[in-house]
Amino acid sequence: MNVKAYLKIKVIDGNGKCTYYRRYRSRSFVANFIRQLFTNLSGQGINNVNTSGGSYGISYVDNIIQLDGSNDSRYGILIGTGTSAPSIIDSNLSIVISNGAGVGQMQYGAVSVTGAVTNTSTNTGYITVTRTFTNNSGSSITVSEVGLVAWSGDFGIQTNQFYLIIHDLLPSPITVPNGSSLSISYEIQVAT
C-alpha cells in the first residue's frame, strides 16, 4: 500500500473570486503520527509529544480527531509564519498564527472531514480535511507553514492533548490580503 498526502491551497478575495490556487505534495508526516498509528494497531501504550513539547501517554483508545469548531487555533489545520524546514520530531508549527481579528491574526473556520472515498477502478481511496481562515486583521498576512494537529480526547491515559501529525513548509509563502480568505485542504490518499 502507498500512502500520500496532498496540500491544496486557495486564496479567495472579498468578492468570492479565487486569486491563488496551488496543489503540493505533502512530505512531512512527523513521528507523532507513526506513534499514534503504532498504538492503535498494536494495542500497546506509548508516549507522544504534545504541541507544547511535553510528553504524555497514549493508548489504543486515543484517536486522531480533527473536527475542531470555528475560532479555535489549538487543533485541526493550523497555519503559521515560521520558515524552518520540517523535522520528523516537530511537535508544533514554528510560529502559529492565532485565531482572531487583531494584528497578525486570522479567524479560523470549522474543520470538515470528507470521505472515505474509494475508487475500485484505480485501487485508490482518500479523505480530505479542510479549513478556511479569514483575514480581518486590517492588513495582509503572509502564511509560510501549514500543519495538521490532532486532538487526543477524553478516551485514553491523559485527556485533551493536542499533537502535530503533519508539518509542511510551503514552497513559496502566500500573502492573504485583508478581507480575503485562505482555504487549506489536506487530501490523504492510499493506493494498492
N, C-alpha and C. Protein backbone atom coordinates (compact mmCIF):
# COMPACT_ATOMS: atom_id res chain seq x y z
N MET A 1 0.85 -1.17 0.00
CA MET A 1 0.00 0.00 0.00
C MET A 1 0.89 1.24 0.00
N ASN A 2 0.45 2.27 -0.68
CA ASN A 2 1.16 3.53 -0.79
C ASN A 2 0.31 4.61 -0.12
N VAL A 3 0.87 5.39 0.81
CA VAL A 3 0.16 6.47 1.47
C VAL A 3 0.80 7.79 1.06
N LYS A 4 -0.03 8.73 0.59
CA LYS A 4 0.44 10.05 0.18
C LYS A 4 -0.50 11.10 0.74
N ALA A 5 0.02 12.31 0.90
CA ALA A 5 -0.83 13.44 1.29
C ALA A 5 -0.56 14.59 0.33
N TYR A 6 -1.62 15.30 0.00
CA TYR A 6 -1.53 16.48 -0.85
C TYR A 6 -2.13 17.66 -0.12
N LEU A 7 -1.54 18.81 -0.33
CA LEU A 7 -1.96 20.06 0.28
C LEU A 7 -2.52 20.94 -0.81
N LYS A 8 -3.78 21.36 -0.66
CA LYS A 8 -4.42 22.24 -1.63
C LYS A 8 -4.68 23.58 -0.96
N ILE A 9 -4.28 24.67 -1.63
CA ILE A 9 -4.37 26.00 -1.05
C ILE A 9 -5.05 26.95 -2.03
N LYS A 10 -6.06 27.69 -1.52
CA LYS A 10 -6.76 28.70 -2.33
C LYS A 10 -6.82 29.99 -1.53
N VAL A 11 -6.66 31.12 -2.22
CA VAL A 11 -6.96 32.43 -1.64
C VAL A 11 -8.17 32.96 -2.38
N ILE A 12 -9.19 33.37 -1.61
CA ILE A 12 -10.43 33.89 -2.16
C ILE A 12 -10.58 35.34 -1.71
N ASP A 13 -10.77 36.26 -2.66
CA ASP A 13 -10.90 37.66 -2.28
C ASP A 13 -12.28 37.96 -1.71
N GLY A 14 -12.49 39.20 -1.27
CA GLY A 14 -13.75 39.59 -0.63
C GLY A 14 -14.97 39.49 -1.54
N ASN A 15 -14.75 39.38 -2.86
CA ASN A 15 -15.85 39.22 -3.82
C ASN A 15 -16.11 37.77 -4.19
N GLY A 16 -15.38 36.84 -3.55
CA GLY A 16 -15.57 35.43 -3.82
C GLY A 16 -14.75 34.89 -4.98
N LYS A 17 -13.84 35.69 -5.51
CA LYS A 17 -13.01 35.27 -6.65
C LYS A 17 -11.74 34.60 -6.15
N CYS A 18 -11.41 33.45 -6.76
CA CYS A 18 -10.17 32.75 -6.42
C CYS A 18 -9.00 33.49 -7.07
N THR A 19 -8.08 33.97 -6.24
CA THR A 19 -6.93 34.73 -6.75
C THR A 19 -5.64 33.92 -6.71
N TYR A 20 -5.68 32.75 -6.08
CA TYR A 20 -4.48 31.91 -5.97
C TYR A 20 -4.94 30.48 -5.73
N TYR A 21 -4.32 29.54 -6.44
CA TYR A 21 -4.59 28.12 -6.19
C TYR A 21 -3.32 27.33 -6.48
N ARG A 22 -2.95 26.46 -5.55
CA ARG A 22 -1.81 25.55 -5.75
C ARG A 22 -2.13 24.22 -5.07
N ARG A 23 -1.54 23.17 -5.63
CA ARG A 23 -1.62 21.83 -5.04
C ARG A 23 -0.19 21.33 -4.90
N TYR A 24 0.19 20.94 -3.68
CA TYR A 24 1.54 20.48 -3.40
C TYR A 24 1.49 19.07 -2.84
N ARG A 25 2.54 18.35 -3.01
CA ARG A 25 2.70 17.06 -2.33
C ARG A 25 3.20 17.34 -0.93
N SER A 26 2.49 16.85 0.07
CA SER A 26 2.93 16.97 1.45
C SER A 26 3.93 15.86 1.71
N ARG A 27 5.08 16.20 2.26
CA ARG A 27 6.13 15.21 2.51
C ARG A 27 6.51 15.13 3.98
N SER A 28 5.67 15.67 4.85
CA SER A 28 6.14 15.90 6.20
C SER A 28 5.26 15.33 7.31
N PHE A 29 4.87 14.05 7.21
CA PHE A 29 4.30 13.38 8.38
C PHE A 29 5.40 13.37 9.45
N VAL A 30 5.03 13.55 10.70
CA VAL A 30 6.02 13.58 11.77
C VAL A 30 5.86 12.36 12.67
N ALA A 31 6.80 12.19 13.60
CA ALA A 31 6.86 10.99 14.44
C ALA A 31 5.58 10.75 15.24
N ASN A 32 4.89 11.80 15.66
CA ASN A 32 3.65 11.61 16.42
C ASN A 32 2.64 10.77 15.64
N PHE A 33 2.59 10.95 14.33
CA PHE A 33 1.64 10.19 13.52
C PHE A 33 1.94 8.70 13.59
N ILE A 34 3.20 8.34 13.41
CA ILE A 34 3.54 6.91 13.41
C ILE A 34 3.39 6.31 14.80
N ARG A 35 3.66 7.10 15.85
CA ARG A 35 3.46 6.60 17.22
C ARG A 35 1.97 6.34 17.48
N GLN A 36 1.10 7.25 17.04
CA GLN A 36 -0.33 7.06 17.24
C GLN A 36 -0.82 5.86 16.44
N LEU A 37 -0.34 5.71 15.22
CA LEU A 37 -0.73 4.56 14.41
C LEU A 37 -0.25 3.26 15.06
N PHE A 38 0.98 3.26 15.58
CA PHE A 38 1.51 2.08 16.26
C PHE A 38 0.62 1.66 17.42
N THR A 39 0.27 2.60 18.28
CA THR A 39 -0.52 2.23 19.46
C THR A 39 -1.92 1.77 19.07
N ASN A 40 -2.51 2.39 18.01
CA ASN A 40 -3.83 1.94 17.56
C ASN A 40 -3.78 0.54 16.97
N LEU A 41 -2.69 0.20 16.26
CA LEU A 41 -2.59 -1.12 15.64
C LEU A 41 -2.14 -2.20 16.61
N SER A 42 -1.28 -1.83 17.56
CA SER A 42 -0.70 -2.84 18.46
C SER A 42 -1.46 -3.01 19.76
N GLY A 43 -2.23 -1.98 20.16
CA GLY A 43 -2.89 -2.03 21.45
C GLY A 43 -1.97 -1.70 22.61
N GLN A 44 -0.74 -1.32 22.33
CA GLN A 44 0.23 -1.01 23.38
C GLN A 44 0.28 0.49 23.64
N GLY A 45 0.47 0.86 24.90
CA GLY A 45 0.65 2.25 25.26
C GLY A 45 2.04 2.73 24.87
N ILE A 46 2.16 4.02 24.63
CA ILE A 46 3.43 4.62 24.23
C ILE A 46 3.34 6.10 24.57
N ASN A 47 4.46 6.79 24.59
CA ASN A 47 4.45 8.24 24.82
C ASN A 47 4.44 8.99 23.50
N ASN A 48 3.73 10.10 23.49
CA ASN A 48 3.67 11.01 22.36
C ASN A 48 4.10 12.39 22.85
N VAL A 49 4.24 13.37 21.95
CA VAL A 49 4.68 14.71 22.33
C VAL A 49 3.59 15.70 21.92
N ASN A 50 3.11 16.50 22.88
CA ASN A 50 2.05 17.46 22.57
C ASN A 50 2.61 18.73 21.95
N THR A 51 1.72 19.64 21.54
CA THR A 51 2.14 20.85 20.85
C THR A 51 2.94 21.80 21.74
N SER A 52 2.92 21.58 23.04
CA SER A 52 3.75 22.38 23.95
C SER A 52 5.13 21.76 24.15
N GLY A 53 5.36 20.59 23.55
CA GLY A 53 6.64 19.91 23.66
C GLY A 53 6.72 18.93 24.82
N GLY A 54 5.60 18.74 25.54
CA GLY A 54 5.58 17.83 26.69
C GLY A 54 5.21 16.41 26.29
N SER A 55 5.76 15.44 27.01
CA SER A 55 5.46 14.03 26.77
C SER A 55 4.19 13.64 27.51
N TYR A 56 3.38 12.81 26.87
CA TYR A 56 2.16 12.30 27.51
C TYR A 56 1.89 10.89 26.99
N GLY A 57 1.19 10.11 27.79
CA GLY A 57 0.91 8.73 27.42
C GLY A 57 -0.31 8.61 26.53
N ILE A 58 -0.21 7.72 25.54
CA ILE A 58 -1.35 7.41 24.68
C ILE A 58 -1.60 5.91 24.72
N SER A 59 -2.83 5.53 24.42
CA SER A 59 -3.17 4.11 24.35
C SER A 59 -4.01 3.88 23.10
N TYR A 60 -4.37 2.64 22.87
CA TYR A 60 -5.09 2.29 21.65
C TYR A 60 -6.48 2.93 21.57
N VAL A 61 -7.02 3.45 22.68
CA VAL A 61 -8.34 4.08 22.63
C VAL A 61 -8.27 5.56 22.28
N ASP A 62 -7.07 6.14 22.20
CA ASP A 62 -6.94 7.52 21.77
C ASP A 62 -7.11 7.59 20.26
N ASN A 63 -7.56 8.74 19.79
CA ASN A 63 -7.90 8.89 18.38
C ASN A 63 -7.13 10.03 17.73
N ILE A 64 -7.24 10.10 16.40
CA ILE A 64 -6.66 11.19 15.61
C ILE A 64 -7.83 12.09 15.20
N ILE A 65 -8.37 12.85 16.14
CA ILE A 65 -9.57 13.65 15.90
C ILE A 65 -9.19 15.00 15.30
N GLN A 66 -9.94 15.40 14.26
CA GLN A 66 -9.70 16.66 13.55
C GLN A 66 -10.86 17.63 13.60
N LEU A 67 -12.04 17.20 13.95
CA LEU A 67 -13.25 18.02 13.80
C LEU A 67 -13.33 19.16 14.81
N ASP A 68 -12.45 20.13 14.66
CA ASP A 68 -12.45 21.31 15.52
C ASP A 68 -13.47 22.32 15.02
N GLY A 69 -14.06 23.06 15.94
CA GLY A 69 -15.01 24.10 15.57
C GLY A 69 -14.31 25.38 15.14
N SER A 70 -15.09 26.39 14.85
CA SER A 70 -14.51 27.67 14.44
C SER A 70 -13.94 28.42 15.65
N ASN A 71 -13.10 29.40 15.36
CA ASN A 71 -12.49 30.27 16.37
C ASN A 71 -11.61 29.53 17.37
N ASP A 72 -10.94 28.48 16.91
CA ASP A 72 -10.07 27.69 17.79
C ASP A 72 -8.79 27.35 17.02
N SER A 73 -7.66 27.79 17.52
CA SER A 73 -6.38 27.50 16.85
C SER A 73 -5.55 26.50 17.64
N ARG A 74 -6.22 25.58 18.36
CA ARG A 74 -5.49 24.55 19.11
C ARG A 74 -5.26 23.29 18.28
N TYR A 75 -6.21 22.94 17.41
CA TYR A 75 -6.03 21.73 16.60
C TYR A 75 -6.81 21.82 15.31
N GLY A 76 -6.71 20.76 14.48
CA GLY A 76 -7.21 20.80 13.12
C GLY A 76 -6.08 21.31 12.23
N ILE A 77 -6.42 21.91 11.11
CA ILE A 77 -5.41 22.52 10.25
C ILE A 77 -5.01 23.85 10.89
N LEU A 78 -3.70 24.05 11.06
CA LEU A 78 -3.17 25.29 11.60
C LEU A 78 -2.27 25.94 10.55
N ILE A 79 -2.12 27.26 10.63
CA ILE A 79 -1.25 27.99 9.72
C ILE A 79 -0.24 28.78 10.53
N GLY A 80 0.90 29.10 9.91
CA GLY A 80 1.92 29.82 10.64
C GLY A 80 2.81 30.65 9.74
N THR A 81 3.73 31.36 10.39
CA THR A 81 4.66 32.25 9.69
C THR A 81 6.10 31.78 9.80
N GLY A 82 6.35 30.61 10.36
CA GLY A 82 7.71 30.12 10.50
C GLY A 82 8.32 29.73 9.17
N THR A 83 9.66 29.68 9.15
CA THR A 83 10.37 29.35 7.92
C THR A 83 11.35 28.19 8.10
N SER A 84 11.31 27.52 9.26
CA SER A 84 12.20 26.39 9.50
C SER A 84 11.73 25.16 8.73
N ALA A 85 12.67 24.43 8.17
CA ALA A 85 12.33 23.19 7.46
C ALA A 85 11.73 22.19 8.44
N PRO A 86 10.69 21.47 8.05
CA PRO A 86 10.09 20.47 8.94
C PRO A 86 11.09 19.37 9.31
N SER A 87 10.91 18.85 10.51
CA SER A 87 11.73 17.76 11.04
C SER A 87 10.81 16.65 11.53
N ILE A 88 11.28 15.43 11.51
CA ILE A 88 10.49 14.29 11.98
C ILE A 88 10.07 14.43 13.43
N ILE A 89 10.81 15.20 14.22
CA ILE A 89 10.49 15.34 15.65
C ILE A 89 9.72 16.62 15.97
N ASP A 90 9.24 17.35 14.96
CA ASP A 90 8.45 18.56 15.22
C ASP A 90 7.23 18.22 16.05
N SER A 91 6.92 19.12 16.99
CA SER A 91 5.73 18.93 17.82
C SER A 91 4.71 20.03 17.60
N ASN A 92 5.06 21.06 16.84
CA ASN A 92 4.13 22.14 16.51
C ASN A 92 4.70 22.92 15.33
N LEU A 93 3.91 23.81 14.77
CA LEU A 93 4.42 24.73 13.78
C LEU A 93 5.43 25.64 14.46
N SER A 94 6.32 26.24 13.70
CA SER A 94 7.33 27.13 14.29
C SER A 94 6.69 28.36 14.92
N ILE A 95 5.79 29.04 14.17
CA ILE A 95 5.10 30.23 14.68
C ILE A 95 3.65 30.16 14.23
N VAL A 96 2.76 29.74 15.12
CA VAL A 96 1.34 29.58 14.78
C VAL A 96 0.68 30.95 14.69
N ILE A 97 -0.12 31.16 13.65
CA ILE A 97 -0.98 32.34 13.55
C ILE A 97 -2.20 32.04 14.40
N SER A 98 -2.44 32.86 15.42
CA SER A 98 -3.55 32.58 16.33
C SER A 98 -4.88 33.05 15.75
N ASN A 99 -5.96 32.52 16.33
CA ASN A 99 -7.31 32.88 15.91
C ASN A 99 -7.65 34.28 16.41
N GLY A 100 -8.27 35.07 15.56
CA GLY A 100 -8.74 36.39 15.97
C GLY A 100 -8.78 37.36 14.80
N ALA A 101 -9.15 38.60 15.09
CA ALA A 101 -9.22 39.65 14.07
C ALA A 101 -8.23 40.77 14.38
N GLY A 102 -7.30 40.53 15.29
CA GLY A 102 -6.30 41.53 15.63
C GLY A 102 -5.10 41.47 14.70
N VAL A 103 -4.12 42.30 14.98
CA VAL A 103 -2.90 42.36 14.17
C VAL A 103 -2.23 40.99 14.12
N GLY A 104 -1.95 40.51 12.91
CA GLY A 104 -1.27 39.23 12.73
C GLY A 104 -2.12 38.00 12.99
N GLN A 105 -3.42 38.16 13.20
CA GLN A 105 -4.31 37.03 13.47
C GLN A 105 -5.23 36.77 12.28
N MET A 106 -5.71 35.53 12.19
CA MET A 106 -6.73 35.18 11.21
C MET A 106 -7.84 34.41 11.92
N GLN A 107 -9.06 34.57 11.43
CA GLN A 107 -10.20 33.89 12.04
C GLN A 107 -10.30 32.47 11.47
N TYR A 108 -10.25 31.49 12.37
CA TYR A 108 -10.29 30.09 11.99
C TYR A 108 -11.73 29.63 11.83
N GLY A 109 -12.03 29.05 10.66
CA GLY A 109 -13.32 28.42 10.45
C GLY A 109 -13.32 27.01 11.02
N ALA A 110 -14.47 26.35 10.97
CA ALA A 110 -14.57 24.97 11.44
C ALA A 110 -13.86 24.02 10.48
N VAL A 111 -13.38 22.90 11.01
CA VAL A 111 -12.73 21.87 10.21
C VAL A 111 -13.80 20.91 9.70
N SER A 112 -13.68 20.52 8.43
CA SER A 112 -14.55 19.47 7.89
C SER A 112 -13.68 18.32 7.41
N VAL A 113 -14.23 17.12 7.52
CA VAL A 113 -13.55 15.92 7.04
C VAL A 113 -14.51 15.19 6.12
N THR A 114 -14.07 14.95 4.87
CA THR A 114 -14.91 14.24 3.92
C THR A 114 -14.26 12.93 3.53
N GLY A 115 -15.06 11.97 3.17
CA GLY A 115 -14.55 10.66 2.75
C GLY A 115 -15.13 9.61 3.65
N ALA A 116 -14.68 8.46 3.64
CA ALA A 116 -13.62 7.93 2.82
C ALA A 116 -14.16 7.53 1.45
N VAL A 117 -13.49 8.05 0.43
CA VAL A 117 -13.89 7.81 -0.95
C VAL A 117 -12.98 6.73 -1.51
N THR A 118 -13.56 5.71 -2.15
CA THR A 118 -12.76 4.67 -2.78
C THR A 118 -13.11 4.57 -4.26
N ASN A 119 -12.10 4.22 -5.05
CA ASN A 119 -12.27 4.05 -6.49
C ASN A 119 -11.70 2.68 -6.85
N THR A 120 -12.58 1.73 -7.12
CA THR A 120 -12.14 0.36 -7.39
C THR A 120 -11.44 0.23 -8.75
N SER A 121 -11.72 1.12 -9.69
CA SER A 121 -11.06 1.01 -10.99
C SER A 121 -9.60 1.45 -10.93
N THR A 122 -9.25 2.34 -9.98
CA THR A 122 -7.85 2.77 -9.83
C THR A 122 -7.21 2.23 -8.55
N ASN A 123 -7.97 1.47 -7.77
CA ASN A 123 -7.49 0.92 -6.48
C ASN A 123 -6.94 2.00 -5.57
N THR A 124 -7.68 3.11 -5.47
CA THR A 124 -7.27 4.22 -4.62
C THR A 124 -8.41 4.63 -3.69
N GLY A 125 -8.05 5.36 -2.66
CA GLY A 125 -9.03 5.92 -1.75
C GLY A 125 -8.44 7.16 -1.09
N TYR A 126 -9.31 8.02 -0.57
CA TYR A 126 -8.80 9.22 0.07
C TYR A 126 -9.81 9.80 1.05
N ILE A 127 -9.31 10.64 1.94
CA ILE A 127 -10.12 11.50 2.79
C ILE A 127 -9.57 12.92 2.62
N THR A 128 -10.40 13.90 2.90
CA THR A 128 -9.97 15.29 2.80
C THR A 128 -10.33 16.04 4.08
N VAL A 129 -9.36 16.75 4.63
CA VAL A 129 -9.55 17.60 5.81
C VAL A 129 -9.40 19.04 5.32
N THR A 130 -10.40 19.90 5.60
CA THR A 130 -10.41 21.26 5.08
C THR A 130 -10.73 22.27 6.18
N ARG A 131 -10.11 23.43 6.08
CA ARG A 131 -10.42 24.56 6.97
C ARG A 131 -10.20 25.86 6.20
N THR A 132 -11.05 26.85 6.48
CA THR A 132 -10.92 28.18 5.88
C THR A 132 -10.56 29.18 6.96
N PHE A 133 -9.66 30.09 6.61
CA PHE A 133 -9.17 31.14 7.50
C PHE A 133 -9.51 32.48 6.86
N THR A 134 -10.05 33.43 7.65
CA THR A 134 -10.42 34.73 7.12
C THR A 134 -9.54 35.81 7.73
N ASN A 135 -9.02 36.67 6.88
CA ASN A 135 -8.16 37.75 7.33
C ASN A 135 -8.98 39.03 7.50
N ASN A 136 -9.29 39.36 8.75
CA ASN A 136 -9.95 40.63 9.08
C ASN A 136 -9.06 41.44 10.02
N SER A 137 -7.75 41.30 9.85
CA SER A 137 -6.78 41.93 10.75
C SER A 137 -6.51 43.40 10.42
N GLY A 138 -6.90 43.84 9.23
CA GLY A 138 -6.63 45.21 8.82
C GLY A 138 -5.44 45.33 7.89
N SER A 139 -4.66 44.27 7.74
CA SER A 139 -3.53 44.29 6.80
C SER A 139 -3.27 42.88 6.28
N SER A 140 -2.42 42.78 5.27
CA SER A 140 -2.09 41.48 4.69
C SER A 140 -1.31 40.62 5.69
N ILE A 141 -1.49 39.30 5.58
CA ILE A 141 -0.76 38.34 6.42
C ILE A 141 -0.12 37.32 5.48
N THR A 142 1.16 37.03 5.72
CA THR A 142 1.87 36.05 4.90
C THR A 142 1.95 34.72 5.65
N VAL A 143 1.49 33.67 5.00
CA VAL A 143 1.48 32.32 5.56
C VAL A 143 2.60 31.53 4.89
N SER A 144 3.46 30.90 5.69
CA SER A 144 4.59 30.16 5.13
C SER A 144 4.62 28.69 5.56
N GLU A 145 3.82 28.32 6.57
CA GLU A 145 3.81 26.93 7.03
C GLU A 145 2.38 26.51 7.36
N VAL A 146 2.14 25.22 7.23
CA VAL A 146 0.82 24.63 7.45
C VAL A 146 1.02 23.32 8.20
N GLY A 147 0.07 22.97 9.05
CA GLY A 147 0.17 21.70 9.74
C GLY A 147 -1.18 21.13 10.08
N LEU A 148 -1.17 19.86 10.45
CA LEU A 148 -2.36 19.15 10.87
C LEU A 148 -2.13 18.68 12.29
N VAL A 149 -2.91 19.23 13.22
CA VAL A 149 -2.79 18.90 14.64
C VAL A 149 -4.03 18.11 15.06
N ALA A 150 -3.81 17.01 15.73
CA ALA A 150 -4.91 16.15 16.18
C ALA A 150 -5.18 16.37 17.67
N TRP A 151 -6.36 15.94 18.09
CA TRP A 151 -6.77 16.00 19.49
C TRP A 151 -6.92 14.59 20.01
N SER A 152 -6.25 14.31 21.12
CA SER A 152 -6.47 13.06 21.85
C SER A 152 -7.44 13.41 22.96
N GLY A 153 -8.67 12.97 22.81
CA GLY A 153 -9.75 13.40 23.68
C GLY A 153 -9.82 12.69 25.01
N ASP A 154 -11.01 12.62 25.54
CA ASP A 154 -11.25 12.08 26.88
C ASP A 154 -11.36 10.56 26.86
N PHE A 155 -10.47 9.89 26.15
CA PHE A 155 -10.61 8.46 25.99
C PHE A 155 -9.48 7.66 26.62
N GLY A 156 -8.28 8.18 26.60
CA GLY A 156 -7.12 7.39 26.96
C GLY A 156 -6.53 7.72 28.30
N ILE A 157 -5.22 7.55 28.36
CA ILE A 157 -4.47 7.72 29.60
C ILE A 157 -4.54 9.16 30.08
N GLN A 158 -4.37 10.13 29.20
CA GLN A 158 -4.47 11.54 29.55
C GLN A 158 -5.46 12.20 28.60
N THR A 159 -6.07 13.30 29.06
CA THR A 159 -7.11 13.93 28.26
C THR A 159 -6.66 15.26 27.67
N ASN A 160 -7.37 15.65 26.62
CA ASN A 160 -7.18 16.95 25.99
C ASN A 160 -5.74 17.27 25.65
N GLN A 161 -5.12 16.39 24.91
CA GLN A 161 -3.77 16.61 24.39
C GLN A 161 -3.87 16.92 22.90
N PHE A 162 -3.08 17.87 22.44
CA PHE A 162 -3.04 18.25 21.03
C PHE A 162 -1.66 17.90 20.50
N TYR A 163 -1.61 17.21 19.35
CA TYR A 163 -0.32 16.75 18.83
C TYR A 163 -0.25 16.86 17.32
N LEU A 164 0.89 17.32 16.84
CA LEU A 164 1.15 17.53 15.42
C LEU A 164 1.33 16.19 14.72
N ILE A 165 0.70 16.03 13.53
CA ILE A 165 0.92 14.81 12.74
C ILE A 165 1.50 15.11 11.36
N ILE A 166 1.29 16.33 10.84
CA ILE A 166 1.89 16.75 9.57
C ILE A 166 2.35 18.20 9.71
N HIS A 167 3.53 18.51 9.18
CA HIS A 167 4.06 19.88 9.19
C HIS A 167 4.69 20.16 7.84
N ASP A 168 4.16 21.13 7.11
CA ASP A 168 4.67 21.48 5.79
C ASP A 168 5.12 22.92 5.74
N LEU A 169 6.30 23.14 5.19
CA LEU A 169 6.77 24.47 4.83
C LEU A 169 6.37 24.68 3.37
N LEU A 170 5.66 25.76 3.09
CA LEU A 170 5.20 25.99 1.72
C LEU A 170 6.39 26.32 0.82
N PRO A 171 6.37 25.88 -0.44
CA PRO A 171 7.45 26.20 -1.36
C PRO A 171 7.64 27.71 -1.53
N SER A 172 6.55 28.45 -1.49
CA SER A 172 6.57 29.91 -1.54
C SER A 172 5.55 30.44 -0.55
N PRO A 173 5.91 31.42 0.28
CA PRO A 173 4.93 31.99 1.21
C PRO A 173 3.75 32.59 0.44
N ILE A 174 2.58 32.59 1.06
CA ILE A 174 1.36 33.08 0.44
C ILE A 174 0.88 34.30 1.21
N THR A 175 0.66 35.40 0.52
CA THR A 175 0.15 36.61 1.14
C THR A 175 -1.37 36.62 1.02
N VAL A 176 -2.04 36.77 2.17
CA VAL A 176 -3.50 36.82 2.21
C VAL A 176 -3.91 38.26 2.53
N PRO A 177 -4.47 38.99 1.55
CA PRO A 177 -4.85 40.38 1.79
C PRO A 177 -5.97 40.49 2.82
N ASN A 178 -6.05 41.63 3.47
CA ASN A 178 -7.15 41.89 4.40
C ASN A 178 -8.47 41.74 3.64
N GLY A 179 -9.45 41.10 4.28
CA GLY A 179 -10.75 40.89 3.66
C GLY A 179 -10.83 39.63 2.81
N SER A 180 -9.71 38.94 2.64
CA SER A 180 -9.69 37.69 1.86
C SER A 180 -9.68 36.49 2.79
N SER A 181 -9.93 35.33 2.21
CA SER A 181 -9.87 34.09 2.99
C SER A 181 -8.90 33.11 2.35
N LEU A 182 -8.42 32.21 3.17
CA LEU A 182 -7.46 31.19 2.76
C LEU A 182 -8.09 29.84 3.07
N SER A 183 -8.22 29.00 2.04
CA SER A 183 -8.77 27.66 2.22
C SER A 183 -7.64 26.65 2.09
N ILE A 184 -7.49 25.80 3.10
CA ILE A 184 -6.44 24.78 3.12
C ILE A 184 -7.11 23.41 3.20
N SER A 185 -6.67 22.49 2.35
CA SER A 185 -7.15 21.10 2.40
C SER A 185 -5.97 20.15 2.40
N TYR A 186 -6.03 19.15 3.26
CA TYR A 186 -5.12 18.01 3.20
C TYR A 186 -5.91 16.84 2.64
N GLU A 187 -5.46 16.28 1.51
CA GLU A 187 -6.04 15.08 0.96
C GLU A 187 -5.07 13.93 1.22
N ILE A 188 -5.50 12.99 2.01
CA ILE A 188 -4.66 11.84 2.35
C ILE A 188 -5.15 10.65 1.54
N GLN A 189 -4.24 10.10 0.72
CA GLN A 189 -4.60 9.04 -0.23
C GLN A 189 -3.91 7.73 0.10
N VAL A 190 -4.58 6.65 -0.23
CA VAL A 190 -3.97 5.33 -0.19
C VAL A 190 -4.18 4.69 -1.55
N ALA A 191 -3.23 3.84 -1.94
CA ALA A 191 -3.33 3.14 -3.23
C ALA A 191 -2.72 1.77 -3.07
N THR A 192 -3.25 0.80 -3.83
CA THR A 192 -2.66 -0.55 -3.83
C THR A 192 -2.02 -0.83 -5.14
